[in-house]
Amino acid sequence: MAFSLSGCASWSLWPSGGESEAQRVAGMLERGDKHWTLRACGREHDRLLQPTPELRRLFDDVGQPGQQSMFAELEVAEEDGRWIVHKTHRVQSTGRGCMDSSAATSQWVGFSFDPAWRVDITAKGMQLTTEDAESGRQLSMISEQMPDGVLGFRGVHEQGLELWLYPSGCIERSTGDYYHLSATLVRDGQRFKGCGYQGGEI
């Protein structure tokens, strides 16, 4: 089956008045005594947030003892002045948060910190970044989507390079952060496990 990116949710940091369609927002998530709020990246004010049971659990799992705020990327819809969470893309207690623009031009990202590798899927192809001299090249690719939602990307000329993204949550082992996709990199017959997430260029 041919894989199309045109049907994915658009990247948006702030909803317009009266908007109710689902959109992605990223920012600082805070769990208060009575309310949850999210301050979207680049904004000065918090918005009330209605979390899902999954987000409540992930906040406890990812956060350090006593931590009340952390970076999150969520799919939300606006209702009665609040954001209603539909899906959790990322919850991170580490990293650069809103300052991290590394995936701004990527459609999908798969990565691991140990061993260290990263694959960015962009409109131009797939780019593998590792510690060896072969990394950093932009490669032409073939992409596909399976009926169960699995996404696959293969190098056209690099037959030994594949990235597979699975619609199942992933806890990154070295940081404890959450990502909404699990990833597998296949390189020269070897398989490497990691996490993945949707980038900003959709």
N, C-alpha and C. Protein backbone atom coordinates (compact mmCIF):
# COMPACT_ATOMS: atom_id res chain seq x y z
N MET A 1 0.85 -1.20 0.00
CA MET A 1 0.00 0.00 0.00
C MET A 1 0.88 1.24 0.00
N ALA A 2 0.58 2.18 -0.86
CA ALA A 2 1.34 3.42 -0.91
C ALA A 2 1.14 4.21 0.36
N PHE A 3 2.18 4.89 0.78
CA PHE A 3 2.13 5.65 2.02
C PHE A 3 1.99 7.13 1.70
N SER A 4 1.00 7.75 2.27
CA SER A 4 0.75 9.17 2.06
C SER A 4 0.79 9.90 3.38
N LEU A 5 1.41 11.07 3.39
CA LEU A 5 1.49 11.88 4.60
C LEU A 5 0.43 12.97 4.64
N SER A 6 -0.35 13.09 3.59
CA SER A 6 -1.26 14.22 3.49
C SER A 6 -2.40 14.17 4.49
N GLY A 7 -2.70 12.99 5.03
CA GLY A 7 -3.83 12.88 5.94
C GLY A 7 -3.48 13.04 7.40
N CYS A 8 -2.23 13.39 7.73
CA CYS A 8 -1.82 13.48 9.12
C CYS A 8 -2.22 14.82 9.72
N ALA A 9 -2.24 14.88 11.04
CA ALA A 9 -2.61 16.11 11.73
C ALA A 9 -1.59 17.20 11.47
N SER A 10 -2.05 18.41 11.31
CA SER A 10 -1.15 19.52 11.03
C SER A 10 -0.47 19.97 12.31
N TRP A 11 0.71 20.57 12.13
CA TRP A 11 1.48 21.08 13.26
C TRP A 11 1.00 22.47 13.59
N SER A 12 0.54 22.65 14.80
CA SER A 12 0.04 23.96 15.23
C SER A 12 0.34 24.14 16.70
N LEU A 13 0.78 25.34 17.07
CA LEU A 13 1.14 25.60 18.45
C LEU A 13 0.03 26.28 19.22
N TRP A 14 -0.96 26.85 18.56
CA TRP A 14 -1.99 27.61 19.26
C TRP A 14 -3.27 27.60 18.45
N PRO A 15 -4.39 27.28 19.04
CA PRO A 15 -5.63 27.20 18.27
C PRO A 15 -6.26 28.56 18.06
N SER A 16 -6.95 28.71 16.96
CA SER A 16 -7.72 29.93 16.73
C SER A 16 -9.04 29.82 17.47
N GLY A 17 -9.73 30.95 17.62
CA GLY A 17 -10.97 30.97 18.38
C GLY A 17 -12.02 30.05 17.80
N GLY A 18 -12.61 29.23 18.65
CA GLY A 18 -13.70 28.36 18.23
C GLY A 18 -13.26 27.10 17.53
N GLU A 19 -11.97 26.88 17.38
CA GLU A 19 -11.49 25.71 16.66
C GLU A 19 -11.70 24.46 17.51
N SER A 20 -12.21 23.40 16.88
CA SER A 20 -12.45 22.17 17.62
C SER A 20 -11.77 20.96 17.00
N GLU A 21 -11.12 21.13 15.83
CA GLU A 21 -10.44 20.02 15.20
C GLU A 21 -9.17 19.68 15.98
N ALA A 22 -8.82 18.42 15.95
CA ALA A 22 -7.63 17.98 16.67
C ALA A 22 -6.38 18.58 16.04
N GLN A 23 -5.45 18.96 16.89
CA GLN A 23 -4.19 19.54 16.44
C GLN A 23 -3.11 19.17 17.44
N ARG A 24 -1.85 19.30 17.02
CA ARG A 24 -0.74 19.03 17.92
C ARG A 24 -0.27 20.32 18.57
N VAL A 25 0.00 20.25 19.86
CA VAL A 25 0.59 21.36 20.59
C VAL A 25 1.76 20.83 21.41
N ALA A 26 2.79 21.64 21.55
CA ALA A 26 3.95 21.27 22.34
C ALA A 26 4.24 22.38 23.32
N GLY A 27 4.65 22.02 24.52
CA GLY A 27 4.95 23.04 25.51
C GLY A 27 5.19 22.46 26.88
N MET A 28 5.13 23.33 27.89
CA MET A 28 5.39 22.92 29.27
C MET A 28 4.09 22.49 29.94
N LEU A 29 4.03 21.23 30.28
CA LEU A 29 2.87 20.65 30.94
C LEU A 29 3.06 20.74 32.45
N GLU A 30 2.03 21.23 33.15
CA GLU A 30 2.12 21.37 34.60
C GLU A 30 0.92 20.70 35.26
N ARG A 31 1.21 19.92 36.28
CA ARG A 31 0.17 19.26 37.06
C ARG A 31 0.00 20.00 38.39
N GLY A 32 -1.12 20.71 38.51
CA GLY A 32 -1.39 21.43 39.74
C GLY A 32 -2.23 20.61 40.71
N ASP A 33 -2.53 21.20 41.86
CA ASP A 33 -3.34 20.50 42.86
C ASP A 33 -4.76 20.25 42.36
N LYS A 34 -5.30 21.21 41.58
CA LYS A 34 -6.67 21.10 41.11
C LYS A 34 -6.78 21.00 39.59
N HIS A 35 -5.82 21.59 38.87
CA HIS A 35 -5.93 21.67 37.41
C HIS A 35 -4.60 21.29 36.76
N TRP A 36 -4.73 20.82 35.51
CA TRP A 36 -3.58 20.63 34.64
C TRP A 36 -3.56 21.78 33.65
N THR A 37 -2.36 22.27 33.31
CA THR A 37 -2.24 23.35 32.33
C THR A 37 -1.11 23.03 31.36
N LEU A 38 -1.16 23.68 30.20
CA LEU A 38 -0.08 23.58 29.21
C LEU A 38 0.23 24.97 28.69
N ARG A 39 1.49 25.36 28.77
CA ARG A 39 1.93 26.61 28.16
C ARG A 39 2.63 26.25 26.86
N ALA A 40 1.98 26.56 25.75
CA ALA A 40 2.51 26.19 24.44
C ALA A 40 3.81 26.94 24.16
N CYS A 41 4.70 26.30 23.43
CA CYS A 41 5.98 26.91 23.08
C CYS A 41 5.75 28.26 22.40
N GLY A 42 6.46 29.28 22.84
CA GLY A 42 6.36 30.60 22.26
C GLY A 42 5.21 31.43 22.79
N ARG A 43 4.46 30.91 23.74
CA ARG A 43 3.32 31.63 24.31
C ARG A 43 3.60 32.01 25.76
N GLU A 44 2.90 33.04 26.24
CA GLU A 44 3.13 33.56 27.58
C GLU A 44 2.10 33.09 28.59
N HIS A 45 1.01 32.51 28.12
CA HIS A 45 -0.08 32.16 29.03
C HIS A 45 -0.36 30.66 29.00
N ASP A 46 -0.82 30.15 30.12
CA ASP A 46 -1.19 28.74 30.24
C ASP A 46 -2.62 28.53 29.74
N ARG A 47 -2.89 27.30 29.30
CA ARG A 47 -4.25 26.90 28.96
C ARG A 47 -4.64 25.72 29.84
N LEU A 48 -5.88 25.73 30.31
CA LEU A 48 -6.38 24.59 31.07
C LEU A 48 -6.39 23.35 30.19
N LEU A 49 -6.09 22.22 30.77
CA LEU A 49 -5.95 20.98 30.02
C LEU A 49 -6.70 19.87 30.73
N GLN A 50 -7.42 19.07 29.96
CA GLN A 50 -8.06 17.88 30.51
C GLN A 50 -7.27 16.66 30.07
N PRO A 51 -6.50 16.04 30.98
CA PRO A 51 -5.64 14.92 30.59
C PRO A 51 -6.42 13.62 30.45
N THR A 52 -5.85 12.70 29.71
CA THR A 52 -6.39 11.35 29.63
C THR A 52 -5.79 10.51 30.76
N PRO A 53 -6.41 9.37 31.09
CA PRO A 53 -5.78 8.48 32.07
C PRO A 53 -4.36 8.07 31.67
N GLU A 54 -4.13 7.91 30.36
CA GLU A 54 -2.78 7.56 29.89
C GLU A 54 -1.79 8.65 30.23
N LEU A 55 -2.15 9.93 30.00
CA LEU A 55 -1.25 11.03 30.29
C LEU A 55 -0.97 11.13 31.78
N ARG A 56 -1.97 10.91 32.60
CA ARG A 56 -1.76 10.93 34.06
C ARG A 56 -0.74 9.85 34.47
N ARG A 57 -0.89 8.68 33.89
CA ARG A 57 0.03 7.59 34.22
C ARG A 57 1.44 7.90 33.73
N LEU A 58 1.55 8.42 32.50
CA LEU A 58 2.87 8.73 31.94
C LEU A 58 3.56 9.82 32.73
N PHE A 59 2.81 10.80 33.22
CA PHE A 59 3.40 11.86 34.02
C PHE A 59 4.07 11.26 35.25
N ASP A 60 3.40 10.32 35.88
CA ASP A 60 3.97 9.66 37.06
C ASP A 60 5.18 8.80 36.68
N ASP A 61 5.09 8.11 35.55
CA ASP A 61 6.16 7.20 35.14
C ASP A 61 7.42 7.95 34.70
N VAL A 62 7.23 9.05 33.97
CA VAL A 62 8.36 9.77 33.39
C VAL A 62 8.98 10.76 34.37
N GLY A 63 8.14 11.41 35.17
CA GLY A 63 8.61 12.46 36.05
C GLY A 63 9.49 11.96 37.18
N GLN A 64 10.37 12.83 37.65
CA GLN A 64 11.19 12.54 38.81
C GLN A 64 10.35 12.77 40.07
N PRO A 65 10.75 12.21 41.21
CA PRO A 65 9.99 12.42 42.45
C PRO A 65 9.79 13.91 42.76
N GLY A 66 8.54 14.31 42.93
CA GLY A 66 8.22 15.69 43.24
C GLY A 66 8.12 16.61 42.04
N GLN A 67 8.43 16.13 40.84
CA GLN A 67 8.38 16.97 39.65
C GLN A 67 6.93 17.27 39.27
N GLN A 68 6.63 18.56 39.04
CA GLN A 68 5.27 18.98 38.73
C GLN A 68 5.11 19.52 37.32
N SER A 69 6.20 19.67 36.57
CA SER A 69 6.10 20.18 35.20
C SER A 69 7.16 19.52 34.33
N MET A 70 6.83 19.31 33.06
CA MET A 70 7.77 18.75 32.10
C MET A 70 7.28 19.03 30.68
N PHE A 71 8.15 18.83 29.71
CA PHE A 71 7.80 19.07 28.31
C PHE A 71 6.88 17.96 27.80
N ALA A 72 5.88 18.36 27.01
CA ALA A 72 4.98 17.37 26.41
C ALA A 72 4.54 17.84 25.03
N GLU A 73 4.27 16.89 24.18
CA GLU A 73 3.66 17.16 22.87
C GLU A 73 2.40 16.32 22.80
N LEU A 74 1.27 16.99 22.57
CA LEU A 74 -0.03 16.34 22.68
C LEU A 74 -0.89 16.64 21.47
N GLU A 75 -1.82 15.74 21.18
CA GLU A 75 -2.87 16.01 20.20
C GLU A 75 -4.12 16.38 20.99
N VAL A 76 -4.64 17.58 20.73
CA VAL A 76 -5.73 18.11 21.55
C VAL A 76 -6.83 18.68 20.66
N ALA A 77 -7.99 18.89 21.26
CA ALA A 77 -9.08 19.63 20.64
C ALA A 77 -9.59 20.62 21.68
N GLU A 78 -10.01 21.79 21.23
CA GLU A 78 -10.49 22.82 22.15
C GLU A 78 -11.97 22.64 22.43
N GLU A 79 -12.34 22.74 23.69
CA GLU A 79 -13.74 22.62 24.09
C GLU A 79 -13.97 23.48 25.33
N ASP A 80 -14.88 24.44 25.22
CA ASP A 80 -15.23 25.32 26.34
C ASP A 80 -13.99 25.98 26.94
N GLY A 81 -13.08 26.43 26.06
CA GLY A 81 -11.91 27.14 26.52
C GLY A 81 -10.79 26.27 27.06
N ARG A 82 -10.97 24.95 27.04
CA ARG A 82 -9.94 24.03 27.52
C ARG A 82 -9.42 23.19 26.36
N TRP A 83 -8.25 22.65 26.57
CA TRP A 83 -7.73 21.66 25.63
C TRP A 83 -8.04 20.27 26.16
N ILE A 84 -8.71 19.47 25.35
CA ILE A 84 -9.02 18.09 25.69
C ILE A 84 -7.99 17.21 25.00
N VAL A 85 -7.24 16.45 25.76
CA VAL A 85 -6.19 15.61 25.20
C VAL A 85 -6.79 14.39 24.51
N HIS A 86 -6.40 14.18 23.25
CA HIS A 86 -6.81 13.00 22.50
C HIS A 86 -5.71 11.95 22.45
N LYS A 87 -4.45 12.42 22.35
CA LYS A 87 -3.34 11.48 22.20
C LYS A 87 -2.08 12.13 22.74
N THR A 88 -1.23 11.32 23.33
CA THR A 88 0.06 11.79 23.85
C THR A 88 1.17 11.36 22.90
N HIS A 89 1.90 12.34 22.35
CA HIS A 89 3.00 12.06 21.44
C HIS A 89 4.33 11.92 22.17
N ARG A 90 4.60 12.86 23.09
CA ARG A 90 5.86 12.82 23.84
C ARG A 90 5.64 13.37 25.24
N VAL A 91 6.34 12.80 26.21
CA VAL A 91 6.43 13.34 27.56
C VAL A 91 7.89 13.20 27.97
N GLN A 92 8.57 14.34 28.22
CA GLN A 92 10.01 14.32 28.45
C GLN A 92 10.36 15.13 29.70
N SER A 93 11.10 14.49 30.60
CA SER A 93 11.64 15.20 31.75
C SER A 93 13.08 15.62 31.51
N THR A 94 13.65 15.21 30.36
CA THR A 94 15.01 15.59 29.99
C THR A 94 14.97 16.27 28.62
N GLY A 95 16.12 16.76 28.16
CA GLY A 95 16.20 17.36 26.84
C GLY A 95 15.98 18.86 26.86
N ARG A 96 15.87 19.45 25.68
CA ARG A 96 15.81 20.90 25.52
C ARG A 96 14.39 21.43 25.39
N GLY A 97 13.40 20.56 25.37
CA GLY A 97 12.02 21.02 25.34
C GLY A 97 11.72 21.88 24.13
N CYS A 98 11.15 23.06 24.38
CA CYS A 98 10.77 23.96 23.30
C CYS A 98 11.96 24.47 22.50
N MET A 99 13.16 24.40 23.06
CA MET A 99 14.35 24.87 22.37
C MET A 99 14.86 23.86 21.35
N ASP A 100 14.35 22.65 21.38
CA ASP A 100 14.81 21.60 20.48
C ASP A 100 14.06 21.70 19.15
N SER A 101 14.76 22.13 18.11
CA SER A 101 14.14 22.26 16.78
C SER A 101 14.70 21.22 15.81
N SER A 102 15.33 20.17 16.32
CA SER A 102 16.00 19.20 15.46
C SER A 102 15.05 18.46 14.54
N ALA A 103 13.76 18.36 14.91
CA ALA A 103 12.79 17.63 14.09
C ALA A 103 11.84 18.57 13.35
N ALA A 104 12.18 19.87 13.29
CA ALA A 104 11.27 20.84 12.69
C ALA A 104 11.02 20.57 11.21
N THR A 105 12.01 20.05 10.50
CA THR A 105 11.86 19.79 9.07
C THR A 105 11.74 18.29 8.78
N SER A 106 11.54 17.50 9.80
CA SER A 106 11.38 16.05 9.62
C SER A 106 9.91 15.67 9.68
N GLN A 107 9.56 14.65 8.93
CA GLN A 107 8.20 14.12 9.00
C GLN A 107 8.09 13.05 10.08
N TRP A 108 9.11 12.23 10.19
CA TRP A 108 9.17 11.19 11.22
C TRP A 108 10.60 11.06 11.70
N VAL A 109 10.76 10.64 12.95
CA VAL A 109 12.10 10.46 13.53
C VAL A 109 12.14 9.13 14.27
N GLY A 110 13.19 8.36 14.04
CA GLY A 110 13.48 7.17 14.82
C GLY A 110 14.87 7.32 15.40
N PHE A 111 15.09 6.88 16.64
CA PHE A 111 16.39 7.14 17.26
C PHE A 111 16.64 6.19 18.43
N SER A 112 17.90 6.16 18.84
CA SER A 112 18.32 5.49 20.06
C SER A 112 19.55 6.21 20.58
N PHE A 113 19.71 6.24 21.90
CA PHE A 113 20.90 6.85 22.49
C PHE A 113 21.99 5.82 22.75
N ASP A 114 21.63 4.55 22.90
CA ASP A 114 22.61 3.52 23.21
C ASP A 114 22.17 2.20 22.58
N PRO A 115 22.78 1.81 21.43
CA PRO A 115 23.80 2.55 20.69
C PRO A 115 23.20 3.78 20.03
N ALA A 116 24.03 4.77 19.76
CA ALA A 116 23.55 6.06 19.26
C ALA A 116 23.29 6.00 17.76
N TRP A 117 22.03 6.22 17.37
CA TRP A 117 21.67 6.36 15.96
C TRP A 117 20.39 7.18 15.86
N ARG A 118 20.19 7.77 14.71
CA ARG A 118 18.98 8.56 14.45
C ARG A 118 18.70 8.54 12.96
N VAL A 119 17.44 8.37 12.60
CA VAL A 119 17.00 8.45 11.21
C VAL A 119 15.91 9.50 11.12
N ASP A 120 16.12 10.50 10.27
CA ASP A 120 15.12 11.52 10.00
C ASP A 120 14.49 11.25 8.64
N ILE A 121 13.16 11.19 8.61
CA ILE A 121 12.42 11.05 7.36
C ILE A 121 11.93 12.43 6.97
N THR A 122 12.38 12.93 5.82
CA THR A 122 12.01 14.26 5.35
C THR A 122 11.40 14.16 3.97
N ALA A 123 10.99 15.30 3.44
CA ALA A 123 10.42 15.33 2.10
C ALA A 123 11.46 14.95 1.04
N LYS A 124 12.74 15.03 1.40
CA LYS A 124 13.82 14.73 0.45
C LYS A 124 14.31 13.29 0.55
N GLY A 125 13.90 12.58 1.59
CA GLY A 125 14.35 11.21 1.74
C GLY A 125 14.62 10.87 3.19
N MET A 126 15.52 9.91 3.42
CA MET A 126 15.85 9.50 4.78
C MET A 126 17.32 9.80 5.05
N GLN A 127 17.59 10.26 6.26
CA GLN A 127 18.95 10.62 6.64
C GLN A 127 19.34 9.86 7.91
N LEU A 128 20.40 9.08 7.81
CA LEU A 128 20.91 8.31 8.94
C LEU A 128 22.06 9.07 9.59
N THR A 129 21.99 9.22 10.89
CA THR A 129 23.06 9.85 11.66
C THR A 129 23.56 8.86 12.69
N THR A 130 24.84 8.50 12.58
CA THR A 130 25.48 7.61 13.54
C THR A 130 26.86 8.17 13.84
N GLU A 131 27.65 7.40 14.57
CA GLU A 131 28.99 7.86 14.93
C GLU A 131 30.02 7.48 13.88
N ASP A 132 29.62 6.78 12.82
CA ASP A 132 30.60 6.38 11.81
C ASP A 132 30.62 7.37 10.65
N ALA A 133 31.54 7.15 9.75
CA ALA A 133 31.78 8.11 8.67
C ALA A 133 30.70 8.09 7.60
N GLU A 134 29.83 7.08 7.60
CA GLU A 134 28.83 6.97 6.55
C GLU A 134 27.57 7.78 6.84
N SER A 135 27.47 8.35 8.01
CA SER A 135 26.23 9.01 8.40
C SER A 135 26.11 10.40 7.78
N GLY A 136 24.89 10.95 7.82
CA GLY A 136 24.65 12.31 7.37
C GLY A 136 24.20 12.44 5.94
N ARG A 137 24.21 11.36 5.17
CA ARG A 137 23.80 11.46 3.77
C ARG A 137 22.28 11.41 3.64
N GLN A 138 21.75 12.18 2.69
CA GLN A 138 20.32 12.15 2.39
C GLN A 138 20.09 11.08 1.34
N LEU A 139 19.28 10.07 1.67
CA LEU A 139 19.09 8.93 0.79
C LEU A 139 17.68 8.90 0.22
N SER A 140 17.58 8.59 -1.07
CA SER A 140 16.26 8.37 -1.66
C SER A 140 15.64 7.14 -1.01
N MET A 141 14.31 7.14 -0.90
CA MET A 141 13.68 6.06 -0.14
C MET A 141 12.36 5.64 -0.78
N ILE A 142 11.92 4.47 -0.38
CA ILE A 142 10.59 3.95 -0.67
C ILE A 142 9.87 3.83 0.66
N SER A 143 8.63 4.32 0.74
CA SER A 143 7.89 4.27 2.00
C SER A 143 6.59 3.50 1.80
N GLU A 144 6.11 2.91 2.88
CA GLU A 144 4.86 2.16 2.83
C GLU A 144 4.19 2.19 4.19
N GLN A 145 2.89 1.97 4.19
CA GLN A 145 2.12 1.89 5.42
C GLN A 145 1.35 0.59 5.43
N MET A 146 1.50 -0.18 6.49
CA MET A 146 0.81 -1.45 6.63
C MET A 146 -0.60 -1.23 7.17
N PRO A 147 -1.50 -2.20 6.97
CA PRO A 147 -2.87 -2.06 7.48
C PRO A 147 -2.95 -1.85 8.99
N ASP A 148 -1.95 -2.34 9.73
CA ASP A 148 -1.97 -2.18 11.19
C ASP A 148 -1.33 -0.88 11.65
N GLY A 149 -1.00 0.02 10.70
CA GLY A 149 -0.44 1.32 11.05
C GLY A 149 1.07 1.39 11.10
N VAL A 150 1.75 0.27 10.87
CA VAL A 150 3.21 0.27 10.86
C VAL A 150 3.71 1.03 9.63
N LEU A 151 4.71 1.89 9.82
CA LEU A 151 5.31 2.65 8.73
C LEU A 151 6.69 2.08 8.42
N GLY A 152 6.98 1.91 7.13
CA GLY A 152 8.27 1.38 6.72
C GLY A 152 8.94 2.29 5.72
N PHE A 153 10.26 2.45 5.84
CA PHE A 153 11.05 3.29 4.95
C PHE A 153 12.31 2.52 4.58
N ARG A 154 12.58 2.43 3.27
CA ARG A 154 13.74 1.69 2.78
C ARG A 154 14.55 2.57 1.83
N GLY A 155 15.86 2.46 1.94
CA GLY A 155 16.72 3.17 1.00
C GLY A 155 16.62 2.55 -0.38
N VAL A 156 16.50 3.39 -1.41
CA VAL A 156 16.37 2.89 -2.78
C VAL A 156 17.67 2.24 -3.23
N HIS A 157 18.78 2.93 -3.00
CA HIS A 157 20.08 2.41 -3.42
C HIS A 157 20.82 1.74 -2.28
N GLU A 158 20.42 2.04 -1.05
CA GLU A 158 21.02 1.39 0.13
C GLU A 158 20.09 0.26 0.57
N GLN A 159 20.21 -0.88 -0.07
CA GLN A 159 19.27 -1.97 0.17
C GLN A 159 19.32 -2.49 1.60
N GLY A 160 20.42 -2.26 2.29
CA GLY A 160 20.56 -2.78 3.64
C GLY A 160 20.07 -1.84 4.72
N LEU A 161 19.41 -0.74 4.36
CA LEU A 161 18.98 0.26 5.34
C LEU A 161 17.45 0.37 5.35
N GLU A 162 16.85 0.14 6.52
CA GLU A 162 15.40 0.26 6.68
C GLU A 162 15.09 0.88 8.04
N LEU A 163 13.99 1.63 8.09
CA LEU A 163 13.46 2.11 9.37
C LEU A 163 12.00 1.71 9.45
N TRP A 164 11.63 1.10 10.58
CA TRP A 164 10.25 0.70 10.82
C TRP A 164 9.74 1.39 12.07
N LEU A 165 8.57 2.00 11.96
CA LEU A 165 7.94 2.70 13.08
C LEU A 165 6.63 2.00 13.42
N TYR A 166 6.45 1.67 14.69
CA TYR A 166 5.30 0.90 15.14
C TYR A 166 4.42 1.75 16.06
N PRO A 167 3.10 1.68 15.90
CA PRO A 167 2.19 2.52 16.70
C PRO A 167 2.00 1.99 18.11
N SER A 168 3.09 1.86 18.82
CA SER A 168 3.05 1.43 20.23
C SER A 168 4.00 2.30 21.02
N GLY A 169 3.62 2.66 22.23
CA GLY A 169 4.41 3.57 23.04
C GLY A 169 5.79 3.01 23.36
N CYS A 170 6.73 3.93 23.62
CA CYS A 170 8.12 3.55 23.85
C CYS A 170 8.70 4.40 24.97
N ILE A 171 9.30 3.76 25.96
CA ILE A 171 10.05 4.46 27.00
C ILE A 171 11.53 4.35 26.65
N GLU A 172 12.17 5.50 26.41
CA GLU A 172 13.59 5.50 26.07
C GLU A 172 14.39 5.08 27.30
N ARG A 173 15.23 4.07 27.15
CA ARG A 173 15.84 3.40 28.30
C ARG A 173 16.77 4.30 29.11
N SER A 174 17.55 5.14 28.44
CA SER A 174 18.56 5.91 29.16
C SER A 174 18.00 7.15 29.84
N THR A 175 16.86 7.66 29.35
CA THR A 175 16.29 8.89 29.92
C THR A 175 14.98 8.66 30.66
N GLY A 176 14.25 7.59 30.30
CA GLY A 176 12.93 7.36 30.87
C GLY A 176 11.83 8.16 30.22
N ASP A 177 12.15 8.91 29.15
CA ASP A 177 11.15 9.73 28.47
C ASP A 177 10.25 8.86 27.59
N TYR A 178 9.03 9.37 27.32
CA TYR A 178 8.03 8.62 26.55
C TYR A 178 7.90 9.18 25.14
N TYR A 179 7.77 8.27 24.17
CA TYR A 179 7.51 8.61 22.76
C TYR A 179 6.40 7.68 22.26
N HIS A 180 5.59 8.18 21.34
CA HIS A 180 4.39 7.43 20.95
C HIS A 180 4.64 6.34 19.93
N LEU A 181 5.87 6.23 19.42
CA LEU A 181 6.20 5.19 18.45
C LEU A 181 7.40 4.39 18.92
N SER A 182 7.39 3.10 18.62
CA SER A 182 8.58 2.27 18.77
C SER A 182 9.25 2.15 17.41
N ALA A 183 10.57 2.07 17.39
CA ALA A 183 11.32 2.08 16.14
C ALA A 183 12.28 0.90 16.06
N THR A 184 12.50 0.44 14.84
CA THR A 184 13.53 -0.55 14.57
C THR A 184 14.34 -0.10 13.36
N LEU A 185 15.64 0.02 13.53
CA LEU A 185 16.55 0.31 12.43
C LEU A 185 17.17 -1.00 11.97
N VAL A 186 17.09 -1.26 10.67
CA VAL A 186 17.74 -2.43 10.08
C VAL A 186 18.89 -1.91 9.23
N ARG A 187 20.09 -2.34 9.57
CA ARG A 187 21.28 -1.87 8.84
C ARG A 187 22.21 -3.04 8.60
N ASP A 188 22.37 -3.37 7.34
CA ASP A 188 23.26 -4.47 6.94
C ASP A 188 22.93 -5.75 7.69
N GLY A 189 21.63 -6.02 7.83
CA GLY A 189 21.18 -7.26 8.46
C GLY A 189 21.08 -7.21 9.97
N GLN A 190 21.59 -6.16 10.60
CA GLN A 190 21.48 -6.01 12.04
C GLN A 190 20.27 -5.17 12.40
N ARG A 191 19.62 -5.52 13.50
CA ARG A 191 18.42 -4.82 13.95
C ARG A 191 18.71 -4.09 15.26
N PHE A 192 18.32 -2.80 15.30
CA PHE A 192 18.54 -1.97 16.47
C PHE A 192 17.21 -1.37 16.92
N LYS A 193 16.90 -1.54 18.19
CA LYS A 193 15.64 -1.05 18.74
C LYS A 193 15.78 0.40 19.21
N GLY A 194 14.68 1.15 19.12
CA GLY A 194 14.68 2.53 19.59
C GLY A 194 13.26 3.05 19.71
N CYS A 195 13.14 4.35 19.81
CA CYS A 195 11.84 5.03 19.89
C CYS A 195 11.66 5.92 18.67
N GLY A 196 10.44 6.43 18.49
CA GLY A 196 10.17 7.30 17.36
C GLY A 196 9.04 8.26 17.67
N TYR A 197 8.94 9.29 16.84
CA TYR A 197 7.86 10.27 17.00
C TYR A 197 7.65 11.02 15.69
N GLN A 198 6.52 11.69 15.60
CA GLN A 198 6.16 12.48 14.43
C GLN A 198 6.89 13.81 14.49
N GLY A 199 7.49 14.21 13.38
CA GLY A 199 8.20 15.47 13.32
C GLY A 199 7.27 16.64 13.04
N GLY A 200 7.87 17.79 12.80
CA GLY A 200 7.08 19.00 12.62
C GLY A 200 6.68 19.31 11.20
N GLU A 201 7.28 18.62 10.22
CA GLU A 201 7.04 18.94 8.81
C GLU A 201 6.09 17.92 8.21
N ILE A 202 4.78 18.17 8.36
CA ILE A 202 3.77 17.25 7.83
C ILE A 202 2.92 17.97 6.80
